[in-house]
Amino acid sequence: MGGVYNLAKKDDWETPPDIFSLACDYFHVDPLLDVCATGQTTKCKYHYETDGLEKNFDFDFFCNPPYSDVKHWIRKCYLEHVKHNVSGIMLIFNKTDTAAWHDYIFGKAEILFLRGRLHFWNNGIPSKNPSPHGSALICYRKKI
């Protein structure tokens, strides 16, 4: 029987490069700012390594948040999208029954549900086990 990775042990999984490319291609967005990354894991030209919840997202952005605090990141991404009229893409679990999904995603964003369970990366290597939940790409689209 296969396993899944343990979120309690690690909360900073890297975005698989093919998923980032899929998101950009599917939504036709080229984010400049990775709001939850390190210099080694960023997928964008600019990134915030720390305190992203306290900073402005004033460029088109990408967010693969720490899932232990995902509801605050969903809210932050939506509010920054509205405040700065920027496009933003998020990679999150598809837990569609949560208040965050109902308050900040449904009717406000485009959604691409991903088939299967992702193998997030750690230090540039795909995880042995898949994520414990399905994932979705969320796109907040700026108004032109």
Protein backbone atom coordinates (compact mmCIF):
# COMPACT_ATOMS: atom_id res chain seq x y z
CA MET A 1 0.00 0.00 0.00
CA GLY A 2 1.37 3.42 -0.94
CA GLY A 3 1.80 6.28 1.47
CA VAL A 4 1.40 10.01 1.42
CA TYR A 5 3.73 12.60 2.81
CA ASN A 6 3.21 14.00 6.27
CA LEU A 7 2.39 17.71 6.35
CA ALA A 8 3.13 17.87 10.07
CA LYS A 9 6.80 17.11 9.37
CA LYS A 10 7.30 19.56 6.49
CA ASP A 11 5.31 22.53 5.24
CA ASP A 12 7.48 24.04 2.52
CA TRP A 13 7.09 21.72 -0.44
CA GLU A 14 8.29 23.03 -3.80
CA THR A 15 6.07 23.47 -6.83
CA PRO A 16 6.82 20.91 -9.53
CA PRO A 17 8.15 22.87 -12.55
CA ASP A 18 5.72 21.21 -14.96
CA ILE A 19 2.77 22.31 -12.80
CA PHE A 20 4.02 25.91 -12.78
CA SER A 21 4.38 25.80 -16.59
CA LEU A 22 0.91 24.29 -16.93
CA ALA A 23 -0.56 27.06 -14.76
CA CYS A 24 1.09 29.84 -16.76
CA ASP A 25 0.12 28.31 -20.10
CA TYR A 26 -3.43 27.41 -19.12
CA PHE A 27 -4.28 30.82 -17.62
CA HIS A 28 -2.03 32.85 -19.99
CA VAL A 29 -0.38 34.60 -17.03
CA ASP A 30 3.36 35.17 -16.58
CA PRO A 31 3.77 35.93 -12.87
CA LEU A 32 6.74 38.08 -11.86
CA LEU A 33 6.45 37.56 -8.08
CA ASP A 34 6.57 34.28 -6.15
CA VAL A 35 5.10 35.17 -2.76
CA CYS A 36 6.07 31.91 -0.96
CA ALA A 37 9.51 30.79 -2.09
CA THR A 38 13.22 30.83 -1.49
CA GLY A 39 15.94 31.84 -3.91
CA GLN A 40 16.37 28.16 -4.75
CA THR A 41 12.67 27.32 -5.21
CA THR A 42 11.21 30.43 -6.81
CA LYS A 43 9.59 30.08 -10.18
CA CYS A 44 9.48 33.84 -10.83
CA LYS A 45 11.86 36.75 -11.36
CA TYR A 46 11.12 38.12 -7.85
CA HIS A 47 10.19 36.35 -4.64
CA TYR A 48 9.35 36.83 -0.97
CA GLU A 49 11.13 34.36 1.29
CA THR A 50 9.59 35.57 4.53
CA ASP A 51 6.57 37.48 5.75
CA GLY A 52 4.70 37.31 2.46
CA LEU A 53 1.45 37.78 4.34
CA GLU A 54 2.74 41.21 5.41
CA LYS A 55 3.82 42.41 1.96
CA ASN A 56 2.10 43.87 -1.08
CA PHE A 57 1.55 41.70 -4.13
CA ASP A 58 1.78 44.52 -6.67
CA PHE A 59 2.97 42.37 -9.58
CA ASP A 60 1.25 39.39 -11.17
CA PHE A 61 2.04 36.65 -8.67
CA PHE A 62 2.30 32.93 -8.00
CA CYS A 63 1.57 31.34 -4.63
CA ASN A 64 2.14 27.77 -3.43
CA PRO A 65 1.43 28.51 0.23
CA PRO A 66 2.30 26.56 3.34
CA TYR A 67 -0.80 24.40 3.64
CA SER A 68 -0.81 24.63 7.44
CA ASP A 69 -2.03 28.22 6.98
CA VAL A 70 -3.68 28.06 3.58
CA LYS A 71 -6.88 29.92 4.52
CA HIS A 72 -4.91 33.08 5.37
CA TRP A 73 -3.00 32.84 2.09
CA ILE A 74 -6.17 32.38 0.04
CA ARG A 75 -7.68 35.48 1.66
CA LYS A 76 -4.45 37.46 1.22
CA CYS A 77 -4.09 36.52 -2.46
CA TYR A 78 -7.68 37.48 -3.21
CA LEU A 79 -7.43 40.82 -1.37
CA GLU A 80 -4.08 41.70 -3.02
CA HIS A 81 -5.50 40.83 -6.44
CA VAL A 82 -8.40 43.24 -5.81
CA LYS A 83 -6.26 45.97 -4.19
CA HIS A 84 -3.56 46.08 -6.89
CA ASN A 85 -5.57 44.80 -9.90
CA VAL A 86 -3.03 42.06 -10.57
CA SER A 87 -3.43 38.51 -11.77
CA GLY A 88 -2.48 35.78 -9.35
CA ILE A 89 -2.17 32.03 -9.55
CA MET A 90 -2.35 29.76 -6.53
CA LEU A 91 -1.59 26.04 -6.19
CA ILE A 92 -3.65 24.68 -3.32
CA PHE A 93 -5.47 21.56 -2.13
CA ASN A 94 -8.94 21.29 -3.62
CA LYS A 95 -10.76 21.26 -0.30
CA THR A 96 -13.85 22.88 -1.77
CA ASP A 97 -15.97 22.56 1.37
CA THR A 98 -13.95 25.13 3.32
CA ALA A 99 -15.03 28.68 4.11
CA ALA A 100 -11.98 30.05 2.26
CA TRP A 101 -13.10 28.42 -0.99
CA HIS A 102 -16.63 29.73 -0.58
CA ASP A 103 -15.58 33.23 0.50
CA TYR A 104 -12.58 33.89 -1.77
CA ILE A 105 -12.58 31.48 -4.72
CA PHE A 106 -16.02 30.45 -5.99
CA GLY A 107 -17.37 33.17 -8.27
CA LYS A 108 -14.15 35.18 -7.94
CA ALA A 109 -11.52 33.03 -9.66
CA GLU A 110 -10.94 30.60 -12.48
CA ILE A 111 -10.25 27.05 -11.31
CA LEU A 112 -8.35 24.15 -12.87
CA PHE A 113 -8.71 20.93 -10.90
CA LEU A 114 -5.66 18.72 -11.34
CA ARG A 115 -6.09 15.03 -11.99
CA GLY A 116 -4.50 12.67 -9.48
CA ARG A 117 -2.30 13.69 -6.59
CA LEU A 118 0.83 15.73 -7.06
CA HIS A 119 4.31 14.73 -6.07
CA PHE A 120 5.62 18.01 -4.70
CA TRP A 121 9.37 18.53 -4.67
CA ASN A 122 11.90 18.78 -1.86
CA ASN A 123 15.37 20.16 -2.62
CA GLY A 124 14.74 19.80 -6.35
CA ILE A 125 13.67 16.13 -6.09
CA PRO A 126 10.08 14.88 -6.49
CA SER A 127 8.63 13.41 -3.29
CA LYS A 128 8.41 9.64 -3.12
CA ASN A 129 4.79 9.79 -1.99
CA PRO A 130 1.93 11.87 -3.40
CA SER A 131 0.21 14.69 -1.60
CA PRO A 132 -2.60 13.67 0.77
CA HIS A 133 -5.27 15.55 -1.20
CA GLY A 134 -6.08 16.53 -4.76
CA SER A 135 -4.87 19.93 -5.93
CA ALA A 136 -6.23 22.83 -7.92
CA LEU A 137 -4.81 25.84 -9.68
CA ILE A 138 -6.67 29.06 -8.93
CA CYS A 139 -6.37 32.17 -11.07
CA TYR A 140 -7.46 35.63 -10.04
CA ARG A 141 -7.62 37.64 -13.23
CA LYS A 142 -6.85 41.37 -13.32
CA LYS A 143 -9.41 43.65 -14.90
CA ILE A 144 -8.28 45.33 -18.10
